[in-house]
Amino acid sequence: VKMLASKIDSDKETTILDQQTIEQCRIKL
């Protein structure tokens, strides 16, 4: 419960992005 509460309170969404997706986005930019 403490772990989940800290995740909820942090206002930070953990995201896992594919390296290929990041590279494609950078190239498009």
Full PDB file with SEQRES, HELIX, SHEET, SSBOND, CRYST1, ORIGX, SCALE, CONECT and MASTER records, all heavy atoms in Angstrom:
SEQRES   1 A   29  VAL LYS MET LEU ALA SER LYS ILE ASP SER ASP LYS GLU          
SEQRES   2 A   29  THR THR ILE LEU ASP GLN GLN THR ILE GLU GLN CYS ARG          
SEQRES   3 A   29  ILE LYS LEU                                                  
HELIX    1 AA1 LYS A    2  ASP A    9  1                                   8    
HELIX    2 AA2 GLN A   19  LYS A   28  1                                  10    
CRYST1    1.000    1.000    1.000  90.00  90.00  90.00 P 1           1          
ORIGX1      1.000000  0.000000  0.000000        0.00000                         
ORIGX2      0.000000  1.000000  0.000000        0.00000                         
ORIGX3      0.000000  0.000000  1.000000        0.00000                         
SCALE1      1.000000  0.000000  0.000000        0.00000                         
SCALE2      0.000000  1.000000  0.000000        0.00000                         
SCALE3      0.000000  0.000000  1.000000        0.00000                         
ATOM      1  N   VAL A   1       0.833  -1.195   0.000  1.00  0.00           N  
ATOM      2  CA  VAL A   1       0.000   0.000   0.000  1.00  0.00           C  
ATOM      3  C   VAL A   1       0.871   1.249   0.000  1.00  0.00           C  
ATOM      4  O   VAL A   1       0.617   2.212  -0.722  1.00  0.00           O  
ATOM      5  CB  VAL A   1      -0.966  -0.007   1.207  1.00  0.00           C  
ATOM      6  CG1 VAL A   1      -1.647   1.343   1.370  1.00  0.00           C  
ATOM      7  CG2 VAL A   1      -1.997  -1.096   1.041  1.00  0.00           C  
ATOM      8  N   LYS A   2       1.939   1.255   0.796  1.00  0.00           N  
ATOM      9  CA  LYS A   2       2.851   2.392   0.828  1.00  0.00           C  
ATOM     10  C   LYS A   2       3.507   2.613  -0.530  1.00  0.00           C  
ATOM     11  O   LYS A   2       3.653   3.743  -0.992  1.00  0.00           O  
ATOM     12  CB  LYS A   2       3.917   2.198   1.911  1.00  0.00           C  
ATOM     13  CG  LYS A   2       3.413   2.400   3.307  1.00  0.00           C  
ATOM     14  CD  LYS A   2       4.519   2.211   4.314  1.00  0.00           C  
ATOM     15  CE  LYS A   2       3.991   2.317   5.732  1.00  0.00           C  
ATOM     16  NZ  LYS A   2       5.029   2.066   6.721  1.00  0.00           N  
ATOM     17  N   MET A   3       3.916   1.511  -1.173  1.00  0.00           N  
ATOM     18  CA  MET A   3       4.553   1.619  -2.486  1.00  0.00           C  
ATOM     19  C   MET A   3       3.579   2.215  -3.512  1.00  0.00           C  
ATOM     20  O   MET A   3       3.920   3.133  -4.262  1.00  0.00           O  
ATOM     21  CB  MET A   3       5.038   0.251  -2.962  1.00  0.00           C  
ATOM     22  CG  MET A   3       5.723   0.298  -4.328  1.00  0.00           C  
ATOM     23  SD  MET A   3       6.106  -1.310  -4.985  1.00  0.00           S  
ATOM     24  CE  MET A   3       4.485  -1.955  -5.312  1.00  0.00           C  
ATOM     25  N   LEU A   4       2.336   1.703  -3.535  1.00  0.00           N  
ATOM     26  CA  LEU A   4       1.339   2.216  -4.476  1.00  0.00           C  
ATOM     27  C   LEU A   4       0.966   3.663  -4.148  1.00  0.00           C  
ATOM     28  O   LEU A   4       0.790   4.485  -5.050  1.00  0.00           O  
ATOM     29  CB  LEU A   4       0.102   1.325  -4.478  1.00  0.00           C  
ATOM     30  CG  LEU A   4       0.284  -0.036  -5.150  1.00  0.00           C  
ATOM     31  CD1 LEU A   4      -0.946  -0.895  -4.933  1.00  0.00           C  
ATOM     32  CD2 LEU A   4       0.549   0.126  -6.630  1.00  0.00           C  
ATOM     33  N   ALA A   5       0.844   3.983  -2.880  1.00  0.00           N  
ATOM     34  CA  ALA A   5       0.508   5.348  -2.485  1.00  0.00           C  
ATOM     35  C   ALA A   5       1.607   6.317  -2.907  1.00  0.00           C  
ATOM     36  O   ALA A   5       1.327   7.434  -3.361  1.00  0.00           O  
ATOM     37  CB  ALA A   5       0.282   5.418  -0.979  1.00  0.00           C  
ATOM     38  N   SER A   6       2.860   5.901  -2.777  1.00  0.00           N  
ATOM     39  CA  SER A   6       3.955   6.791  -3.195  1.00  0.00           C  
ATOM     40  C   SER A   6       3.946   6.994  -4.701  1.00  0.00           C  
ATOM     41  O   SER A   6       4.237   8.082  -5.187  1.00  0.00           O  
ATOM     42  CB  SER A   6       5.305   6.233  -2.734  1.00  0.00           C  
ATOM     43  OG  SER A   6       5.607   5.045  -3.436  1.00  0.00           O  
ATOM     44  N   LYS A   7       3.574   5.948  -5.442  1.00  0.00           N  
ATOM     45  CA  LYS A   7       3.481   6.109  -6.906  1.00  0.00           C  
ATOM     46  C   LYS A   7       2.344   7.049  -7.279  1.00  0.00           C  
ATOM     47  O   LYS A   7       2.476   7.870  -8.178  1.00  0.00           O  
ATOM     48  CB  LYS A   7       3.287   4.749  -7.578  1.00  0.00           C  
ATOM     49  CG  LYS A   7       4.535   3.919  -7.629  1.00  0.00           C  
ATOM     50  CD  LYS A   7       4.303   2.632  -8.384  1.00  0.00           C  
ATOM     51  CE  LYS A   7       5.577   1.812  -8.450  1.00  0.00           C  
ATOM     52  NZ  LYS A   7       5.374   0.558  -9.171  1.00  0.00           N  
ATOM     53  N   ILE A   8       1.234   6.934  -6.582  1.00  0.00           N  
ATOM     54  CA  ILE A   8       0.084   7.789  -6.877  1.00  0.00           C  
ATOM     55  C   ILE A   8       0.390   9.231  -6.481  1.00  0.00           C  
ATOM     56  O   ILE A   8       0.081  10.174  -7.201  1.00  0.00           O  
ATOM     57  CB  ILE A   8      -1.172   7.277  -6.149  1.00  0.00           C  
ATOM     58  CG1 ILE A   8      -1.625   5.966  -6.785  1.00  0.00           C  
ATOM     59  CG2 ILE A   8      -2.291   8.303  -6.200  1.00  0.00           C  
ATOM     60  CD1 ILE A   8      -2.728   5.267  -6.034  1.00  0.00           C  
ATOM     61  N   ASP A   9       1.010   9.428  -5.340  1.00  0.00           N  
ATOM     62  CA  ASP A   9       1.301  10.774  -4.846  1.00  0.00           C  
ATOM     63  C   ASP A   9       2.390  11.484  -5.634  1.00  0.00           C  
ATOM     64  O   ASP A   9       2.485  12.702  -5.604  1.00  0.00           O  
ATOM     65  CB  ASP A   9       1.717  10.728  -3.374  1.00  0.00           C  
ATOM     66  CG  ASP A   9       0.537  10.413  -2.472  1.00  0.00           C  
ATOM     67  OD1 ASP A   9      -0.605  10.611  -2.919  1.00  0.00           O  
ATOM     68  OD2 ASP A   9       0.773   9.964  -1.331  1.00  0.00           O  
ATOM     69  N   SER A  10       3.225  10.734  -6.336  1.00  0.00           N  
ATOM     70  CA  SER A  10       4.365  11.370  -6.992  1.00  0.00           C  
ATOM     71  C   SER A  10       3.981  12.178  -8.227  1.00  0.00           C  
ATOM     72  O   SER A  10       4.763  12.977  -8.710  1.00  0.00           O  
ATOM     73  CB  SER A  10       5.404  10.318  -7.388  1.00  0.00           C  
ATOM     74  OG  SER A  10       4.906   9.529  -8.448  1.00  0.00           O  
ATOM     75  N   ASP A  11       2.776  11.971  -8.774  1.00  0.00           N  
ATOM     76  CA  ASP A  11       2.321  12.658  -9.994  1.00  0.00           C  
ATOM     77  C   ASP A  11       3.225  12.369 -11.180  1.00  0.00           C  
ATOM     78  O   ASP A  11       3.230  13.101 -12.152  1.00  0.00           O  
ATOM     79  CB  ASP A  11       2.239  14.168  -9.806  1.00  0.00           C  
ATOM     80  CG  ASP A  11       1.026  14.562  -9.006  1.00  0.00           C  
ATOM     81  OD1 ASP A  11       0.105  13.749  -8.858  1.00  0.00           O  
ATOM     82  OD2 ASP A  11       1.002  15.701  -8.547  1.00  0.00           O  
ATOM     83  N   LYS A  12       4.008  11.359 -11.081  1.00  0.00           N  
ATOM     84  CA  LYS A  12       4.877  10.989 -12.189  1.00  0.00           C  
ATOM     85  C   LYS A  12       4.435   9.636 -12.712  1.00  0.00           C  
ATOM     86  O   LYS A  12       4.364   8.667 -11.965  1.00  0.00           O  
ATOM     87  CB  LYS A  12       6.338  10.924 -11.750  1.00  0.00           C  
ATOM     88  CG  LYS A  12       6.915  12.260 -11.376  1.00  0.00           C  
ATOM     89  CD  LYS A  12       8.342  12.133 -10.988  1.00  0.00           C  
ATOM     90  CE  LYS A  12       8.901  13.496 -10.578  1.00  0.00           C  
ATOM     91  NZ  LYS A  12      10.252  13.382 -10.081  1.00  0.00           N  
ATOM     92  N   GLU A  13       4.137   9.619 -13.974  1.00  0.00           N  
ATOM     93  CA  GLU A  13       3.729   8.372 -14.590  1.00  0.00           C  
ATOM     94  C   GLU A  13       4.976   7.690 -15.134  1.00  0.00           C  
ATOM     95  O   GLU A  13       5.715   8.277 -15.906  1.00  0.00           O  
ATOM     96  CB  GLU A  13       2.740   8.650 -15.722  1.00  0.00           C  
ATOM     97  CG  GLU A  13       2.255   7.420 -16.412  1.00  0.00           C  
ATOM     98  CD  GLU A  13       1.337   7.749 -17.562  1.00  0.00           C  
ATOM     99  OE1 GLU A  13       0.815   8.867 -17.607  1.00  0.00           O  
ATOM    100  OE2 GLU A  13       1.182   6.890 -18.431  1.00  0.00           O  
ATOM    101  N   THR A  14       5.181   6.492 -14.704  1.00  0.00           N  
ATOM    102  CA  THR A  14       6.339   5.776 -15.222  1.00  0.00           C  
ATOM    103  C   THR A  14       6.008   5.289 -16.618  1.00  0.00           C  
ATOM    104  O   THR A  14       4.957   4.694 -16.857  1.00  0.00           O  
ATOM    105  CB  THR A  14       6.693   4.581 -14.324  1.00  0.00           C  
ATOM    106  OG1 THR A  14       5.555   3.726 -14.237  1.00  0.00           O  
ATOM    107  CG2 THR A  14       7.100   5.048 -12.945  1.00  0.00           C  
ATOM    108  N   THR A  15       6.866   5.586 -17.525  1.00  0.00           N  
ATOM    109  CA  THR A  15       6.640   5.178 -18.905  1.00  0.00           C  
ATOM    110  C   THR A  15       7.836   4.393 -19.388  1.00  0.00           C  
ATOM    111  O   THR A  15       8.979   4.687 -19.052  1.00  0.00           O  
ATOM    112  CB  THR A  15       6.456   6.402 -19.825  1.00  0.00           C  
ATOM    113  OG1 THR A  15       7.602   7.223 -19.700  1.00  0.00           O  
ATOM    114  CG2 THR A  15       5.210   7.171 -19.461  1.00  0.00           C  
ATOM    115  N   ILE A  16       7.529   3.408 -20.159  1.00  0.00           N  
ATOM    116  CA  ILE A  16       8.580   2.615 -20.789  1.00  0.00           C  
ATOM    117  C   ILE A  16       8.410   2.816 -22.282  1.00  0.00           C  
ATOM    118  O   ILE A  16       7.375   2.466 -22.853  1.00  0.00           O  
ATOM    119  CB  ILE A  16       8.446   1.122 -20.421  1.00  0.00           C  
ATOM    120  CG1 ILE A  16       8.561   0.956 -18.907  1.00  0.00           C  
ATOM    121  CG2 ILE A  16       9.484   0.304 -21.142  1.00  0.00           C  
ATOM    122  CD1 ILE A  16       8.245  -0.436 -18.430  1.00  0.00           C  
ATOM    123  N   LEU A  17       9.405   3.439 -22.894  1.00  0.00           N  
ATOM    124  CA  LEU A  17       9.335   3.722 -24.322  1.00  0.00           C  
ATOM    125  C   LEU A  17      10.306   2.828 -25.068  1.00  0.00           C  
ATOM    126  O   LEU A  17      11.431   2.584 -24.615  1.00  0.00           O  
ATOM    127  CB  LEU A  17       9.677   5.190 -24.589  1.00  0.00           C  
ATOM    128  CG  LEU A  17       8.709   6.213 -24.014  1.00  0.00           C  
ATOM    129  CD1 LEU A  17       9.218   7.611 -24.266  1.00  0.00           C  
ATOM    130  CD2 LEU A  17       7.333   6.046 -24.616  1.00  0.00           C  
ATOM    131  N   ASP A  18       9.850   2.406 -26.187  1.00  0.00           N  
ATOM    132  CA  ASP A  18      10.681   1.592 -27.053  1.00  0.00           C  
ATOM    133  C   ASP A  18      11.772   2.478 -27.656  1.00  0.00           C  
ATOM    134  O   ASP A  18      11.498   3.594 -28.110  1.00  0.00           O  
ATOM    135  CB  ASP A  18       9.798   0.980 -28.152  1.00  0.00           C  
ATOM    136  CG  ASP A  18      10.574   0.081 -29.083  1.00  0.00           C  
ATOM    137  OD1 ASP A  18      11.617  -0.454 -28.670  1.00  0.00           O  
ATOM    138  OD2 ASP A  18      10.119  -0.084 -30.232  1.00  0.00           O  
ATOM    139  N   GLN A  19      13.001   2.005 -27.650  1.00  0.00           N  
ATOM    140  CA  GLN A  19      14.125   2.791 -28.171  1.00  0.00           C  
ATOM    141  C   GLN A  19      13.909   3.125 -29.654  1.00  0.00           C  
ATOM    142  O   GLN A  19      14.242   4.214 -30.104  1.00  0.00           O  
ATOM    143  CB  GLN A  19      15.441   2.023 -27.973  1.00  0.00           C  
ATOM    144  CG  GLN A  19      16.675   2.832 -28.315  1.00  0.00           C  
ATOM    145  CD  GLN A  19      16.855   4.037 -27.400  1.00  0.00           C  
ATOM    146  OE1 GLN A  19      16.389   4.040 -26.269  1.00  0.00           O  
ATOM    147  NE2 GLN A  19      17.503   5.070 -27.900  1.00  0.00           N  
ATOM    148  N   GLN A  20      13.332   2.210 -30.380  1.00  0.00           N  
ATOM    149  CA  GLN A  20      13.078   2.436 -31.811  1.00  0.00           C  
ATOM    150  C   GLN A  20      12.054   3.564 -31.985  1.00  0.00           C  
ATOM    151  O   GLN A  20      12.203   4.406 -32.865  1.00  0.00           O  
ATOM    152  CB  GLN A  20      12.581   1.149 -32.460  1.00  0.00           C  
ATOM    153  CG  GLN A  20      12.383   1.267 -33.953  1.00  0.00           C  
ATOM    154  CD  GLN A  20      11.872  -0.037 -34.562  1.00  0.00           C  
ATOM    155  OE1 GLN A  20      11.544  -0.966 -33.862  1.00  0.00           O  
ATOM    156  NE2 GLN A  20      11.813  -0.078 -35.875  1.00  0.00           N  
ATOM    157  N   THR A  21      11.040   3.589 -31.138  1.00  0.00           N  
ATOM    158  CA  THR A  21      10.033   4.651 -31.212  1.00  0.00           C  
ATOM    159  C   THR A  21      10.658   6.011 -30.919  1.00  0.00           C  
ATOM    160  O   THR A  21      10.367   7.002 -31.594  1.00  0.00           O  
ATOM    161  CB  THR A  21       8.903   4.375 -30.203  1.00  0.00           C  
ATOM    162  OG1 THR A  21       8.386   3.075 -30.439  1.00  0.00           O  
ATOM    163  CG2 THR A  21       7.799   5.396 -30.318  1.00  0.00           C  
ATOM    164  N   ILE A  22      11.518   6.056 -29.925  1.00  0.00           N  
ATOM    165  CA  ILE A  22      12.199   7.312 -29.587  1.00  0.00           C  
ATOM    166  C   ILE A  22      13.060   7.771 -30.756  1.00  0.00           C  
ATOM    167  O   ILE A  22      13.067   8.951 -31.110  1.00  0.00           O  
ATOM    168  CB  ILE A  22      13.056   7.126 -28.308  1.00  0.00           C  
ATOM    169  CG1 ILE A  22      12.143   6.901 -27.108  1.00  0.00           C  
ATOM    170  CG2 ILE A  22      13.935   8.346 -28.071  1.00  0.00           C  
ATOM    171  CD1 ILE A  22      12.878   6.520 -25.851  1.00  0.00           C  
ATOM    172  N   GLU A  23      13.763   6.870 -31.376  1.00  0.00           N  
ATOM    173  CA  GLU A  23      14.632   7.216 -32.508  1.00  0.00           C  
ATOM    174  C   GLU A  23      13.804   7.725 -33.689  1.00  0.00           C  
ATOM    175  O   GLU A  23      14.164   8.709 -34.339  1.00  0.00           O  
ATOM    176  CB  GLU A  23      15.463   5.989 -32.912  1.00  0.00           C  
ATOM    177  CG  GLU A  23      16.551   6.284 -33.904  1.00  0.00           C  
ATOM    178  CD  GLU A  23      17.616   7.235 -33.370  1.00  0.00           C  
ATOM    179  OE1 GLU A  23      17.848   7.279 -32.143  1.00  0.00           O  
ATOM    180  OE2 GLU A  23      18.209   7.951 -34.183  1.00  0.00           O  
ATOM    181  N   GLN A  24      12.666   7.072 -33.972  1.00  0.00           N  
ATOM    182  CA  GLN A  24      11.800   7.508 -35.065  1.00  0.00           C  
ATOM    183  C   GLN A  24      11.246   8.910 -34.790  1.00  0.00           C  
ATOM    184  O   GLN A  24      11.200   9.752 -35.685  1.00  0.00           O  
ATOM    185  CB  GLN A  24      10.638   6.532 -35.252  1.00  0.00           C  
ATOM    186  CG  GLN A  24      11.031   5.219 -35.895  1.00  0.00           C  
ATOM    187  CD  GLN A  24       9.856   4.246 -35.955  1.00  0.00           C  
ATOM    188  OE1 GLN A  24       8.806   4.496 -35.383  1.00  0.00           O  
ATOM    189  NE2 GLN A  24      10.068   3.132 -36.643  1.00  0.00           N  
ATOM    190  N   CYS A  25      10.859   9.159 -33.558  1.00  0.00           N  
ATOM    191  CA  CYS A  25      10.345  10.480 -33.180  1.00  0.00           C  
ATOM    192  C   CYS A  25      11.430  11.544 -33.350  1.00  0.00           C  
ATOM    193  O   CYS A  25      11.167  12.627 -33.868  1.00  0.00           O  
ATOM    194  CB  CYS A  25       9.840  10.441 -31.748  1.00  0.00           C  
ATOM    195  SG  CYS A  25       9.138  11.984 -31.199  1.00  0.00           S  
ATOM    196  N   ARG A  26      12.641  11.235 -32.916  1.00  0.00           N  
ATOM    197  CA  ARG A  26      13.749  12.183 -33.052  1.00  0.00           C  
ATOM    198  C   ARG A  26      14.015  12.492 -34.522  1.00  0.00           C  
ATOM    199  O   ARG A  26      14.200  13.649 -34.906  1.00  0.00           O  
ATOM    200  CB  ARG A  26      15.004  11.626 -32.388  1.00  0.00           C  
ATOM    201  CG  ARG A  26      16.148  12.631 -32.304  1.00  0.00           C  
ATOM    202  CD  ARG A  26      17.410  12.010 -31.745  1.00  0.00           C  
ATOM    203  NE  ARG A  26      17.894  10.905 -32.546  1.00  0.00           N  
ATOM    204  CZ  ARG A  26      18.560  11.032 -33.714  1.00  0.00           C  
ATOM    205  NH1 ARG A  26      18.807  12.213 -34.192  1.00  0.00           N  
ATOM    206  NH2 ARG A  26      18.967   9.968 -34.375  1.00  0.00           N  
ATOM    207  N   ILE A  27      14.002  11.462 -35.362  1.00  0.00           N  
ATOM    208  CA  ILE A  27      14.242  11.657 -36.801  1.00  0.00           C  
ATOM    209  C   ILE A  27      13.143  12.524 -37.406  1.00  0.00           C  
ATOM    210  O   ILE A  27      13.410  13.437 -38.192  1.00  0.00           O  
ATOM    211  CB  ILE A  27      14.359  10.295 -37.513  1.00  0.00           C  
ATOM    212  CG1 ILE A  27      15.663   9.595 -37.101  1.00  0.00           C  
ATOM    213  CG2 ILE A  27      14.291  10.464 -39.023  1.00  0.00           C  
ATOM    214  CD1 ILE A  27      15.759   8.156 -37.573  1.00  0.00           C  
ATOM    215  N   LYS A  28      11.885  12.254 -37.023  1.00  0.00           N  
ATOM    216  CA  LYS A  28      10.776  13.059 -37.540  1.00  0.00           C  
ATOM    217  C   LYS A  28      10.903  14.510 -37.108  1.00  0.00           C  
ATOM    218  O   LYS A  28      10.635  15.431 -37.880  1.00  0.00           O  
ATOM    219  CB  LYS A  28       9.442  12.492 -37.072  1.00  0.00           C  
ATOM    220  CG  LYS A  28       9.031  11.239 -37.800  1.00  0.00           C  
ATOM    221  CD  LYS A  28       7.699  10.737 -37.303  1.00  0.00           C  
ATOM    222  CE  LYS A  28       7.317   9.435 -37.989  1.00  0.00           C  
ATOM    223  NZ  LYS A  28       6.054   8.901 -37.465  1.00  0.00           N  
ATOM    224  N   LEU A  29      11.310  14.728 -35.864  1.00  0.00           N  
ATOM    225  CA  LEU A  29      11.483  16.102 -35.391  1.00  0.00           C  
ATOM    226  C   LEU A  29      12.598  16.815 -36.140  1.00  0.00           C  
ATOM    227  O   LEU A  29      12.480  17.993 -36.473  1.00  0.00           O  
ATOM    228  CB  LEU A  29      11.780  16.113 -33.892  1.00  0.00           C  
ATOM    229  CG  LEU A  29      10.586  15.898 -32.981  1.00  0.00           C  
ATOM    230  CD1 LEU A  29      11.051  15.780 -31.539  1.00  0.00           C  
ATOM    231  CD2 LEU A  29       9.591  17.022 -33.110  1.00  0.00           C  
TER     232      LEU A  29                                                      
MASTER        0    0    0    2    0    0    0    6  231    1    0    3          
END                                                                             
